[in-house]
């Protein structure tokens, strides 16, 4: 695996972690609409992360 691929995977992991924390924070704050947006962002990042991991395994 190349260093650039590792960096991309780490960046995506951190972004997903942040999105998940924001989902929970907004749910607790009573903002379900905003939490839903962050959940969709997390799903979108999950797709990109799986693509990055599969490219790294080749």
C-alpha atoms as a PDB file:
ATOM      1  CA  UNK A   1       0.000   0.000   0.000  1.00  0.00           C
ATOM      2  CA  UNK A   2       1.365   3.381  -0.926  1.00  0.00           C
ATOM      3  CA  UNK A   3       1.733   6.163   1.604  1.00  0.00           C
ATOM      4  CA  UNK A   4      -0.778   8.368  -0.232  1.00  0.00           C
ATOM      5  CA  UNK A   5      -3.403   5.622  -0.050  1.00  0.00           C
ATOM      6  CA  UNK A   6      -2.763   5.244   3.684  1.00  0.00           C
ATOM      7  CA  UNK A   7      -3.166   8.975   4.181  1.00  0.00           C
ATOM      8  CA  UNK A   8      -6.450   8.954   2.278  1.00  0.00           C
ATOM      9  CA  UNK A   9      -7.811   6.078   4.353  1.00  0.00           C
ATOM     10  CA  UNK A  10      -6.773   7.793   7.605  1.00  0.00           C
ATOM     11  CA  UNK A  11      -8.358  11.071   6.492  1.00  0.00           C
ATOM     12  CA  UNK A  12     -11.617   9.318   5.583  1.00  0.00           C
ATOM     13  CA  UNK A  13     -11.612   7.468   8.905  1.00  0.00           C
ATOM     14  CA  UNK A  14     -11.209  10.739  10.817  1.00  0.00           C
ATOM     15  CA  UNK A  15     -13.945  12.434   8.795  1.00  0.00           C
ATOM     16  CA  UNK A  16     -16.339   9.543   9.456  1.00  0.00           C
ATOM     17  CA  UNK A  17     -15.543   9.669  13.159  1.00  0.00           C
ATOM     18  CA  UNK A  18     -16.262  13.392  13.217  1.00  0.00           C
ATOM     19  CA  UNK A  19     -19.523  12.941  11.307  1.00  0.00           C
ATOM     20  CA  UNK A  20     -20.644  10.253  13.756  1.00  0.00           C
ATOM     21  CA  UNK A  21     -19.865  12.487  16.736  1.00  0.00           C
ATOM     22  CA  UNK A  22     -21.842  15.306  15.130  1.00  0.00           C
ATOM     23  CA  UNK A  23     -24.786  12.972  14.512  1.00  0.00           C
ATOM     24  CA  UNK A  24     -24.902  12.086  18.202  1.00  0.00           C
ATOM     25  CA  UNK A  25     -24.393  15.680  19.342  1.00  0.00           C
ATOM     26  CA  UNK A  26     -27.227  16.931  17.164  1.00  0.00           C
ATOM     27  CA  UNK A  27     -29.549  14.130  18.245  1.00  0.00           C
ATOM     28  CA  UNK A  28     -28.909  15.023  21.884  1.00  0.00           C
ATOM     29  CA  UNK A  29     -29.383  18.725  21.095  1.00  0.00           C
ATOM     30  CA  UNK A  30     -32.769  18.021  19.551  1.00  0.00           C
ATOM     31  CA  UNK A  31     -31.843  18.692  15.923  1.00  0.00           C
ATOM     32  CA  UNK A  32     -32.910  15.548  14.065  1.00  0.00           C
ATOM     33  CA  UNK A  33     -32.738  17.242  10.651  1.00  0.00           C
ATOM     34  CA  UNK A  34     -29.108  18.202  11.112  1.00  0.00           C
ATOM     35  CA  UNK A  35     -28.323  14.767  12.563  1.00  0.00           C
ATOM     36  CA  UNK A  36     -29.837  13.186   9.449  1.00  0.00           C
ATOM     37  CA  UNK A  37     -27.592  15.292   7.206  1.00  0.00           C
ATOM     38  CA  UNK A  38     -24.499  14.182   9.123  1.00  0.00           C
ATOM     39  CA  UNK A  39     -25.696  10.565   8.945  1.00  0.00           C
ATOM     40  CA  UNK A  40     -25.949  10.897   5.166  1.00  0.00           C
ATOM     41  CA  UNK A  41     -22.440  12.372   5.084  1.00  0.00           C
ATOM     42  CA  UNK A  42     -21.224   9.386   7.123  1.00  0.00           C
ATOM     43  CA  UNK A  43     -22.831   6.994   4.642  1.00  0.00           C
ATOM     44  CA  UNK A  44     -21.242   8.851   1.716  1.00  0.00           C
ATOM     45  CA  UNK A  45     -17.833   8.722   3.408  1.00  0.00           C
ATOM     46  CA  UNK A  46     -18.302   4.994   4.094  1.00  0.00           C
ATOM     47  CA  UNK A  47     -18.633   4.348   0.369  1.00  0.00           C
ATOM     48  CA  UNK A  48     -15.500   6.347  -0.371  1.00  0.00           C
ATOM     49  CA  UNK A  49     -13.622   4.616   2.417  1.00  0.00           C
ATOM     50  CA  UNK A  50     -14.525   1.150   1.130  1.00  0.00           C
ATOM     51  CA  UNK A  51     -13.393   2.180  -2.351  1.00  0.00           C
ATOM     52  CA  UNK A  52     -10.099   3.486  -0.981  1.00  0.00           C
ATOM     53  CA  UNK A  53      -9.497   0.295   1.003  1.00  0.00           C
ATOM     54  CA  UNK A  54     -10.268  -1.917  -1.996  1.00  0.00           C
ATOM     55  CA  UNK A  55      -7.887   0.111  -4.184  1.00  0.00           C
ATOM     56  CA  UNK A  56      -5.200  -0.192  -1.532  1.00  0.00           C
ATOM     57  CA  UNK A  57      -5.486  -4.001  -1.508  1.00  0.00           C
ATOM     58  CA  UNK A  58      -4.823  -4.322  -5.218  1.00  0.00           C
END
